[in-house]
């Protein structure tokens, strides 16, 4: 695995795995923009390049492009990191809103994964749930690629930590 460092990484902390959400989660936003683009093009053809469709097309391209860029940016910066000491979940909620959750490996009580539907089975992504001691909150790794591998890496890191 190439060297990867993250903000807040401790000096003697090794990274076991850096996981991301599966790219398939970008499919629905792309489909929405594509369908709306086709509607705007259809209107453009009906009104024969008058001023209204030209303005609508320009606005759509600008807004649709911003929406797709924002969706990609949030997806790209949403990370699940398993280290030799803890699990770190970085949730990028907007351009200027980032939420970081972490759980020490010695506090983890249970790690399960769930693959719920046709697309998750076909494209091998799902949810990993981590239950920790001392809190009722469950840490969820949503739409993670290869949830079984991520679950096993967490369990392996926890076993190494306890030695």
N, C-alpha and C. Protein backbone atom coordinates (compact mmCIF):
# COMPACT_ATOMS: atom_id res chain seq x y z
N UNK A 1 0.84 -1.18 0.00
CA UNK A 1 0.00 0.00 0.00
C UNK A 1 0.88 1.24 0.00
N UNK A 2 0.61 2.20 -0.87
CA UNK A 2 1.42 3.42 -0.89
C UNK A 2 1.27 4.18 0.42
N UNK A 3 2.29 4.97 0.72
CA UNK A 3 2.26 5.76 1.95
C UNK A 3 1.09 6.73 1.92
N UNK A 4 0.33 6.73 3.00
CA UNK A 4 -0.81 7.63 3.12
C UNK A 4 -0.74 8.22 4.51
N UNK A 5 -0.93 9.50 4.61
CA UNK A 5 -0.94 10.17 5.91
C UNK A 5 -2.20 11.01 5.99
N UNK A 6 -2.71 11.15 7.20
CA UNK A 6 -3.90 11.98 7.37
C UNK A 6 -3.69 12.92 8.54
N UNK A 7 -4.44 14.00 8.53
CA UNK A 7 -4.34 14.99 9.59
C UNK A 7 -4.73 14.35 10.92
N UNK A 8 -3.90 14.49 11.93
CA UNK A 8 -4.17 13.90 13.24
C UNK A 8 -3.57 12.52 13.42
N UNK A 9 -2.84 12.04 12.44
CA UNK A 9 -2.22 10.73 12.56
C UNK A 9 -1.11 10.79 13.60
N UNK A 10 -1.10 9.80 14.49
CA UNK A 10 -0.09 9.76 15.55
C UNK A 10 1.23 9.25 14.99
N UNK A 11 2.30 9.58 15.70
CA UNK A 11 3.64 9.29 15.22
C UNK A 11 3.89 7.80 14.98
N UNK A 12 3.43 6.95 15.89
CA UNK A 12 3.70 5.51 15.77
C UNK A 12 2.50 4.73 15.22
N UNK A 13 1.60 5.42 14.57
CA UNK A 13 0.37 4.81 14.07
C UNK A 13 0.54 4.40 12.60
N UNK A 14 0.29 3.11 12.32
CA UNK A 14 0.37 2.61 10.95
C UNK A 14 -1.04 2.47 10.37
N UNK A 15 -1.18 2.75 9.10
CA UNK A 15 -2.47 2.62 8.44
C UNK A 15 -2.60 1.22 7.85
N UNK A 16 -3.68 0.53 8.20
CA UNK A 16 -3.95 -0.81 7.65
C UNK A 16 -4.69 -0.71 6.33
N UNK A 17 -5.71 0.13 6.30
CA UNK A 17 -6.52 0.25 5.09
C UNK A 17 -7.18 1.63 5.05
N UNK A 18 -7.26 2.18 3.86
CA UNK A 18 -8.03 3.40 3.61
C UNK A 18 -9.13 2.99 2.64
N UNK A 19 -10.37 3.07 3.09
CA UNK A 19 -11.51 2.67 2.26
C UNK A 19 -12.34 3.89 1.91
N UNK A 20 -13.03 3.78 0.80
CA UNK A 20 -13.90 4.86 0.34
C UNK A 20 -15.27 4.28 0.02
N UNK A 21 -16.20 5.18 -0.20
CA UNK A 21 -17.49 4.73 -0.70
C UNK A 21 -17.31 4.25 -2.13
N UNK A 22 -18.12 3.29 -2.52
CA UNK A 22 -18.04 2.75 -3.87
C UNK A 22 -18.46 3.83 -4.88
N UNK A 23 -17.79 3.90 -6.03
CA UNK A 23 -18.15 4.91 -7.03
C UNK A 23 -19.59 4.77 -7.55
N UNK A 24 -20.19 3.61 -7.36
CA UNK A 24 -21.57 3.42 -7.83
C UNK A 24 -22.53 4.40 -7.17
N UNK A 25 -22.19 4.91 -5.99
CA UNK A 25 -23.08 5.88 -5.32
C UNK A 25 -23.17 7.18 -6.11
N UNK A 26 -22.27 7.40 -7.05
CA UNK A 26 -22.33 8.59 -7.90
C UNK A 26 -23.30 8.41 -9.07
N UNK A 27 -23.78 7.21 -9.30
CA UNK A 27 -24.62 6.92 -10.45
C UNK A 27 -25.92 7.72 -10.45
N UNK A 28 -26.63 7.74 -9.32
CA UNK A 28 -27.91 8.44 -9.26
C UNK A 28 -27.76 9.94 -9.52
N UNK A 29 -26.83 10.65 -8.91
CA UNK A 29 -26.67 12.07 -9.25
C UNK A 29 -26.36 12.30 -10.73
N UNK A 30 -25.53 11.45 -11.31
CA UNK A 30 -25.20 11.61 -12.73
C UNK A 30 -26.44 11.35 -13.59
N UNK A 31 -27.23 10.34 -13.24
CA UNK A 31 -28.46 10.07 -13.99
C UNK A 31 -29.44 11.23 -13.90
N UNK A 32 -29.58 11.81 -12.71
CA UNK A 32 -30.50 12.95 -12.55
C UNK A 32 -30.08 14.11 -13.46
N UNK A 33 -28.82 14.45 -13.44
CA UNK A 33 -28.34 15.57 -14.25
C UNK A 33 -28.49 15.25 -15.74
N UNK A 34 -28.20 14.02 -16.12
CA UNK A 34 -28.33 13.62 -17.53
C UNK A 34 -29.77 13.73 -18.00
N UNK A 35 -30.71 13.23 -17.19
CA UNK A 35 -32.13 13.31 -17.57
C UNK A 35 -32.59 14.76 -17.68
N UNK A 36 -32.20 15.58 -16.73
CA UNK A 36 -32.57 16.99 -16.81
C UNK A 36 -31.94 17.67 -18.02
N UNK A 37 -30.73 17.29 -18.33
CA UNK A 37 -30.06 17.84 -19.51
C UNK A 37 -30.82 17.48 -20.78
N UNK A 38 -31.29 16.24 -20.86
CA UNK A 38 -32.08 15.82 -22.03
C UNK A 38 -33.38 16.61 -22.14
N UNK A 39 -34.02 16.90 -21.00
CA UNK A 39 -35.24 17.72 -21.01
C UNK A 39 -34.93 19.11 -21.53
N UNK A 40 -33.85 19.70 -21.06
CA UNK A 40 -33.48 21.05 -21.52
C UNK A 40 -33.16 21.04 -23.01
N UNK A 41 -32.46 20.03 -23.49
CA UNK A 41 -32.15 19.92 -24.92
C UNK A 41 -33.45 19.77 -25.72
N UNK A 42 -34.38 18.97 -25.20
CA UNK A 42 -35.68 18.80 -25.86
C UNK A 42 -36.41 20.14 -25.97
N UNK A 43 -36.41 20.91 -24.88
CA UNK A 43 -37.03 22.24 -24.91
C UNK A 43 -36.31 23.15 -25.91
N UNK A 44 -35.02 23.04 -25.95
CA UNK A 44 -34.22 23.84 -26.88
C UNK A 44 -34.64 23.53 -28.32
N UNK A 45 -34.85 22.27 -28.63
CA UNK A 45 -35.26 21.88 -29.98
C UNK A 45 -36.68 22.32 -30.30
N UNK A 46 -37.57 22.25 -29.32
CA UNK A 46 -38.96 22.66 -29.54
C UNK A 46 -39.05 24.16 -29.82
N UNK A 47 -38.35 24.95 -29.03
CA UNK A 47 -38.44 26.41 -29.18
C UNK A 47 -37.46 26.96 -30.22
N UNK A 48 -36.78 26.10 -30.93
CA UNK A 48 -35.91 26.47 -32.05
C UNK A 48 -34.89 27.56 -31.72
N UNK A 49 -34.13 27.33 -30.69
CA UNK A 49 -33.01 28.20 -30.32
C UNK A 49 -33.41 29.64 -30.04
N UNK A 50 -34.57 29.82 -29.43
CA UNK A 50 -34.94 31.18 -29.01
C UNK A 50 -34.18 31.54 -27.73
N UNK A 51 -34.42 32.73 -27.24
CA UNK A 51 -33.67 33.23 -26.08
C UNK A 51 -33.92 32.40 -24.82
N UNK A 52 -35.18 32.01 -24.57
CA UNK A 52 -35.51 31.28 -23.34
C UNK A 52 -34.71 29.98 -23.20
N UNK A 53 -34.73 29.09 -24.20
CA UNK A 53 -33.97 27.85 -24.03
C UNK A 53 -32.46 28.08 -23.96
N UNK A 54 -31.97 29.10 -24.63
CA UNK A 54 -30.53 29.38 -24.57
C UNK A 54 -30.11 29.76 -23.15
N UNK A 55 -30.90 30.60 -22.51
CA UNK A 55 -30.63 30.98 -21.12
C UNK A 55 -30.80 29.78 -20.21
N UNK A 56 -31.88 29.01 -20.43
CA UNK A 56 -32.14 27.82 -19.61
C UNK A 56 -30.99 26.82 -19.74
N UNK A 57 -30.50 26.64 -20.96
CA UNK A 57 -29.40 25.71 -21.17
C UNK A 57 -28.13 26.17 -20.46
N UNK A 58 -27.84 27.45 -20.56
CA UNK A 58 -26.65 28.00 -19.89
C UNK A 58 -26.76 27.85 -18.38
N UNK A 59 -27.93 28.16 -17.83
CA UNK A 59 -28.14 28.02 -16.38
C UNK A 59 -28.02 26.55 -15.98
N UNK A 60 -28.64 25.68 -16.77
CA UNK A 60 -28.59 24.26 -16.44
C UNK A 60 -27.16 23.74 -16.44
N UNK A 61 -26.40 24.09 -17.47
CA UNK A 61 -25.01 23.62 -17.55
C UNK A 61 -24.23 24.10 -16.33
N UNK A 62 -24.43 25.34 -15.93
CA UNK A 62 -23.73 25.89 -14.77
C UNK A 62 -24.16 25.19 -13.48
N UNK A 63 -25.46 25.12 -13.24
CA UNK A 63 -25.97 24.51 -12.00
C UNK A 63 -25.70 23.01 -11.98
N UNK A 64 -25.94 22.33 -13.10
CA UNK A 64 -25.68 20.89 -13.18
C UNK A 64 -24.21 20.57 -12.96
N UNK A 65 -23.34 21.38 -13.56
CA UNK A 65 -21.90 21.18 -13.36
C UNK A 65 -21.49 21.39 -11.92
N UNK A 66 -22.04 22.43 -11.28
CA UNK A 66 -21.72 22.68 -9.87
C UNK A 66 -22.23 21.53 -8.99
N UNK A 67 -23.43 21.03 -9.29
CA UNK A 67 -24.00 19.92 -8.52
C UNK A 67 -23.12 18.67 -8.65
N UNK A 68 -22.72 18.35 -9.88
CA UNK A 68 -21.87 17.17 -10.07
C UNK A 68 -20.50 17.34 -9.42
N UNK A 69 -19.92 18.54 -9.51
CA UNK A 69 -18.63 18.77 -8.87
C UNK A 69 -18.75 18.63 -7.36
N UNK A 70 -19.80 19.21 -6.78
CA UNK A 70 -20.01 19.10 -5.33
C UNK A 70 -20.18 17.65 -4.91
N UNK A 71 -20.99 16.91 -5.65
CA UNK A 71 -21.21 15.49 -5.34
C UNK A 71 -19.89 14.72 -5.40
N UNK A 72 -19.10 14.95 -6.44
CA UNK A 72 -17.80 14.28 -6.58
C UNK A 72 -16.86 14.68 -5.44
N UNK A 73 -16.81 15.96 -5.10
CA UNK A 73 -15.93 16.45 -4.04
C UNK A 73 -16.27 15.79 -2.70
N UNK A 74 -17.56 15.72 -2.38
CA UNK A 74 -17.97 15.09 -1.12
C UNK A 74 -17.62 13.61 -1.13
N UNK A 75 -17.85 12.93 -2.24
CA UNK A 75 -17.53 11.50 -2.34
C UNK A 75 -16.02 11.28 -2.19
N UNK A 76 -15.24 12.10 -2.85
CA UNK A 76 -13.78 11.95 -2.84
C UNK A 76 -13.18 12.15 -1.45
N UNK A 77 -13.78 13.01 -0.66
CA UNK A 77 -13.22 13.34 0.66
C UNK A 77 -13.91 12.60 1.81
N UNK A 78 -14.70 11.61 1.51
CA UNK A 78 -15.37 10.78 2.50
C UNK A 78 -14.49 9.54 2.67
N UNK A 79 -13.82 9.40 3.81
CA UNK A 79 -12.82 8.34 3.99
C UNK A 79 -13.09 7.50 5.23
N UNK A 80 -12.72 6.24 5.14
CA UNK A 80 -12.73 5.32 6.28
C UNK A 80 -11.30 4.82 6.43
N UNK A 81 -10.69 5.09 7.58
CA UNK A 81 -9.29 4.74 7.79
C UNK A 81 -9.18 3.80 8.98
N UNK A 82 -8.55 2.65 8.76
CA UNK A 82 -8.27 1.70 9.84
C UNK A 82 -6.78 1.76 10.09
N UNK A 83 -6.40 2.08 11.33
CA UNK A 83 -4.99 2.17 11.68
C UNK A 83 -4.65 1.10 12.71
N UNK A 84 -3.42 1.10 13.14
CA UNK A 84 -2.97 0.14 14.16
C UNK A 84 -3.53 0.47 15.54
N UNK A 85 -4.17 1.64 15.71
CA UNK A 85 -4.69 2.04 17.02
C UNK A 85 -6.17 2.38 17.04
N UNK A 86 -6.74 2.75 15.89
CA UNK A 86 -8.12 3.24 15.89
C UNK A 86 -8.73 3.18 14.50
N UNK A 87 -10.02 3.47 14.48
CA UNK A 87 -10.74 3.64 13.23
C UNK A 87 -11.12 5.11 13.14
N UNK A 88 -10.87 5.71 11.99
CA UNK A 88 -11.19 7.12 11.78
C UNK A 88 -12.15 7.20 10.60
N UNK A 89 -13.28 7.87 10.82
CA UNK A 89 -14.26 8.08 9.76
C UNK A 89 -14.31 9.57 9.47
N UNK A 90 -13.96 9.95 8.25
CA UNK A 90 -13.99 11.36 7.84
C UNK A 90 -15.19 11.53 6.92
N UNK A 91 -16.17 12.28 7.39
CA UNK A 91 -17.37 12.54 6.60
C UNK A 91 -17.33 13.99 6.12
N UNK A 92 -17.20 14.17 4.84
CA UNK A 92 -17.24 15.51 4.26
C UNK A 92 -18.70 15.80 3.95
N UNK A 93 -19.32 16.69 4.74
CA UNK A 93 -20.75 16.95 4.60
C UNK A 93 -21.06 18.09 3.64
N UNK A 94 -20.14 19.03 3.51
CA UNK A 94 -20.24 20.11 2.53
C UNK A 94 -18.83 20.64 2.32
N UNK A 95 -18.68 21.68 1.52
CA UNK A 95 -17.33 22.20 1.25
C UNK A 95 -16.61 22.60 2.53
N UNK A 96 -17.34 23.17 3.47
CA UNK A 96 -16.70 23.70 4.68
C UNK A 96 -17.15 22.98 5.95
N UNK A 97 -17.74 21.80 5.81
CA UNK A 97 -18.22 21.05 6.97
C UNK A 97 -17.69 19.62 6.88
N UNK A 98 -16.77 19.31 7.78
CA UNK A 98 -16.19 17.97 7.85
C UNK A 98 -16.41 17.44 9.25
N UNK A 99 -16.85 16.20 9.34
CA UNK A 99 -17.07 15.55 10.63
C UNK A 99 -16.12 14.36 10.72
N UNK A 100 -15.36 14.29 11.81
CA UNK A 100 -14.42 13.19 12.01
C UNK A 100 -14.83 12.43 13.25
N UNK A 101 -15.04 11.12 13.09
CA UNK A 101 -15.39 10.24 14.20
C UNK A 101 -14.28 9.21 14.32
N UNK A 102 -13.91 8.90 15.55
CA UNK A 102 -12.90 7.86 15.72
C UNK A 102 -13.26 6.96 16.88
N UNK A 103 -12.77 5.73 16.80
CA UNK A 103 -12.99 4.75 17.86
C UNK A 103 -11.69 3.98 18.07
N UNK A 104 -11.19 3.97 19.31
CA UNK A 104 -9.99 3.18 19.60
C UNK A 104 -10.29 1.69 19.41
N UNK A 105 -9.31 0.95 18.92
CA UNK A 105 -9.52 -0.48 18.65
C UNK A 105 -9.88 -1.27 19.90
N UNK A 106 -9.37 -0.85 21.07
CA UNK A 106 -9.67 -1.60 22.29
C UNK A 106 -11.09 -1.39 22.78
N UNK A 107 -11.82 -0.43 22.23
CA UNK A 107 -13.21 -0.18 22.62
C UNK A 107 -14.21 -0.87 21.69
N UNK A 108 -13.73 -1.45 20.61
CA UNK A 108 -14.63 -2.10 19.65
C UNK A 108 -15.11 -3.43 20.21
N UNK A 109 -16.43 -3.61 20.19
CA UNK A 109 -17.01 -4.85 20.70
C UNK A 109 -17.52 -5.77 19.59
N UNK A 110 -17.98 -5.17 18.49
CA UNK A 110 -18.58 -5.98 17.44
C UNK A 110 -18.43 -5.27 16.10
N UNK A 111 -18.12 -6.05 15.07
CA UNK A 111 -18.01 -5.51 13.71
C UNK A 111 -18.83 -6.41 12.79
N UNK A 112 -19.84 -5.84 12.16
CA UNK A 112 -20.67 -6.60 11.23
C UNK A 112 -20.73 -5.86 9.89
N UNK A 113 -21.08 -6.62 8.85
CA UNK A 113 -21.30 -5.95 7.57
C UNK A 113 -22.62 -6.40 6.99
N UNK A 114 -23.17 -5.56 6.13
CA UNK A 114 -24.48 -5.81 5.55
C UNK A 114 -24.46 -5.39 4.08
N UNK A 115 -24.95 -6.28 3.23
CA UNK A 115 -25.12 -5.99 1.81
C UNK A 115 -26.60 -6.21 1.55
N UNK A 116 -27.33 -5.13 1.18
CA UNK A 116 -28.78 -5.18 1.23
C UNK A 116 -29.53 -5.34 -0.08
N UNK A 117 -28.96 -5.02 -1.20
CA UNK A 117 -29.79 -5.04 -2.40
C UNK A 117 -29.02 -5.58 -3.60
N UNK A 118 -29.71 -5.64 -4.71
CA UNK A 118 -29.17 -6.20 -5.94
C UNK A 118 -27.87 -5.51 -6.36
N UNK A 119 -27.88 -4.18 -6.41
CA UNK A 119 -26.71 -3.45 -6.88
C UNK A 119 -25.53 -3.60 -5.92
N UNK A 120 -25.80 -3.63 -4.62
CA UNK A 120 -24.71 -3.82 -3.66
C UNK A 120 -24.09 -5.20 -3.82
N UNK A 121 -24.90 -6.21 -4.10
CA UNK A 121 -24.36 -7.55 -4.34
C UNK A 121 -23.56 -7.62 -5.63
N UNK A 122 -24.07 -7.02 -6.68
CA UNK A 122 -23.39 -7.07 -7.98
C UNK A 122 -22.07 -6.30 -7.94
N UNK A 123 -22.09 -5.11 -7.34
CA UNK A 123 -20.90 -4.24 -7.37
C UNK A 123 -20.05 -4.34 -6.10
N UNK A 124 -20.41 -5.25 -5.19
CA UNK A 124 -19.63 -5.54 -3.99
C UNK A 124 -19.37 -4.31 -3.12
N UNK A 125 -20.46 -3.73 -2.63
CA UNK A 125 -20.34 -2.67 -1.64
C UNK A 125 -21.48 -2.81 -0.65
N UNK A 126 -21.32 -2.20 0.52
CA UNK A 126 -22.35 -2.30 1.54
C UNK A 126 -21.98 -1.47 2.76
N UNK A 127 -22.53 -1.87 3.90
CA UNK A 127 -22.36 -1.11 5.13
C UNK A 127 -21.61 -1.97 6.16
N UNK A 128 -20.68 -1.36 6.85
CA UNK A 128 -19.99 -2.01 7.96
C UNK A 128 -20.41 -1.27 9.22
N UNK A 129 -20.87 -2.03 10.23
CA UNK A 129 -21.31 -1.42 11.49
C UNK A 129 -20.33 -1.80 12.59
N UNK A 130 -19.93 -0.79 13.36
CA UNK A 130 -18.96 -1.00 14.44
C UNK A 130 -19.60 -0.57 15.75
N UNK A 131 -19.74 -1.51 16.67
CA UNK A 131 -20.28 -1.19 18.00
C UNK A 131 -19.10 -1.04 18.96
N UNK A 132 -19.15 0.02 19.75
CA UNK A 132 -18.06 0.28 20.69
C UNK A 132 -18.58 0.27 22.11
N UNK A 133 -17.68 0.01 23.05
CA UNK A 133 -18.02 0.01 24.47
C UNK A 133 -18.18 1.45 24.95
N UNK A 134 -19.08 1.65 25.87
CA UNK A 134 -19.21 2.95 26.51
C UNK A 134 -20.05 3.95 25.75
N UNK A 135 -20.62 3.55 24.63
CA UNK A 135 -21.49 4.46 23.89
C UNK A 135 -22.55 3.65 23.16
N UNK A 136 -23.72 4.23 23.07
CA UNK A 136 -24.82 3.55 22.37
C UNK A 136 -24.73 3.76 20.86
N UNK A 137 -23.90 4.71 20.45
CA UNK A 137 -23.79 5.04 19.04
C UNK A 137 -23.05 3.94 18.28
N UNK A 138 -23.57 3.62 17.12
CA UNK A 138 -22.92 2.66 16.22
C UNK A 138 -22.24 3.46 15.12
N UNK A 139 -20.98 3.14 14.87
CA UNK A 139 -20.26 3.80 13.77
C UNK A 139 -20.58 3.02 12.51
N UNK A 140 -21.08 3.73 11.50
CA UNK A 140 -21.43 3.10 10.24
C UNK A 140 -20.51 3.56 9.13
N UNK A 141 -20.01 2.61 8.38
CA UNK A 141 -19.24 2.90 7.19
C UNK A 141 -20.18 2.60 6.02
N UNK A 142 -20.79 3.64 5.47
CA UNK A 142 -21.82 3.49 4.45
C UNK A 142 -21.23 3.30 3.06
N UNK A 143 -21.86 2.41 2.29
CA UNK A 143 -21.52 2.20 0.88
C UNK A 143 -20.04 1.94 0.64
N UNK A 144 -19.41 1.24 1.57
CA UNK A 144 -17.98 0.98 1.46
C UNK A 144 -17.72 -0.15 0.46
N UNK A 145 -16.64 0.01 -0.29
CA UNK A 145 -16.23 -1.05 -1.22
C UNK A 145 -15.83 -2.29 -0.43
N UNK A 146 -16.16 -3.45 -0.93
CA UNK A 146 -15.78 -4.73 -0.35
C UNK A 146 -15.94 -4.74 1.18
N UNK A 147 -17.17 -4.71 1.67
CA UNK A 147 -17.40 -4.62 3.11
C UNK A 147 -16.82 -5.80 3.90
N UNK A 148 -16.78 -6.99 3.30
CA UNK A 148 -16.20 -8.13 4.00
C UNK A 148 -14.72 -7.90 4.28
N UNK A 149 -13.98 -7.42 3.28
CA UNK A 149 -12.56 -7.14 3.46
C UNK A 149 -12.34 -6.08 4.53
N UNK A 150 -13.15 -5.03 4.52
CA UNK A 150 -13.02 -3.97 5.53
C UNK A 150 -13.29 -4.53 6.92
N UNK A 151 -14.35 -5.34 7.05
CA UNK A 151 -14.66 -5.95 8.34
C UNK A 151 -13.48 -6.80 8.82
N UNK A 152 -12.91 -7.62 7.94
CA UNK A 152 -11.79 -8.48 8.32
C UNK A 152 -10.55 -7.68 8.69
N UNK A 153 -10.30 -6.58 8.00
CA UNK A 153 -9.15 -5.71 8.33
C UNK A 153 -9.33 -5.10 9.71
N UNK A 154 -10.55 -4.70 10.05
CA UNK A 154 -10.81 -4.13 11.38
C UNK A 154 -10.57 -5.19 12.45
N UNK A 155 -11.07 -6.39 12.22
CA UNK A 155 -10.89 -7.47 13.19
C UNK A 155 -9.41 -7.81 13.34
N UNK A 156 -8.69 -7.88 12.21
CA UNK A 156 -7.25 -8.18 12.25
C UNK A 156 -6.49 -7.08 12.99
N UNK A 157 -6.80 -5.83 12.72
CA UNK A 157 -6.14 -4.71 13.41
C UNK A 157 -6.42 -4.77 14.91
N UNK A 158 -7.64 -5.12 15.26
CA UNK A 158 -8.01 -5.23 16.68
C UNK A 158 -7.24 -6.36 17.36
N UNK A 159 -7.09 -7.48 16.68
CA UNK A 159 -6.33 -8.61 17.25
C UNK A 159 -4.86 -8.23 17.44
N UNK A 160 -4.26 -7.55 16.48
CA UNK A 160 -2.86 -7.10 16.60
C UNK A 160 -2.72 -6.09 17.73
N UNK A 161 -3.69 -5.24 17.90
CA UNK A 161 -3.64 -4.21 18.94
C UNK A 161 -3.66 -4.85 20.33
N UNK A 162 -4.43 -5.93 20.50
CA UNK A 162 -4.58 -6.56 21.81
C UNK A 162 -3.37 -7.41 22.19
N UNK A 163 -2.47 -7.69 21.26
CA UNK A 163 -1.28 -8.49 21.59
C UNK A 163 -0.26 -7.68 22.33
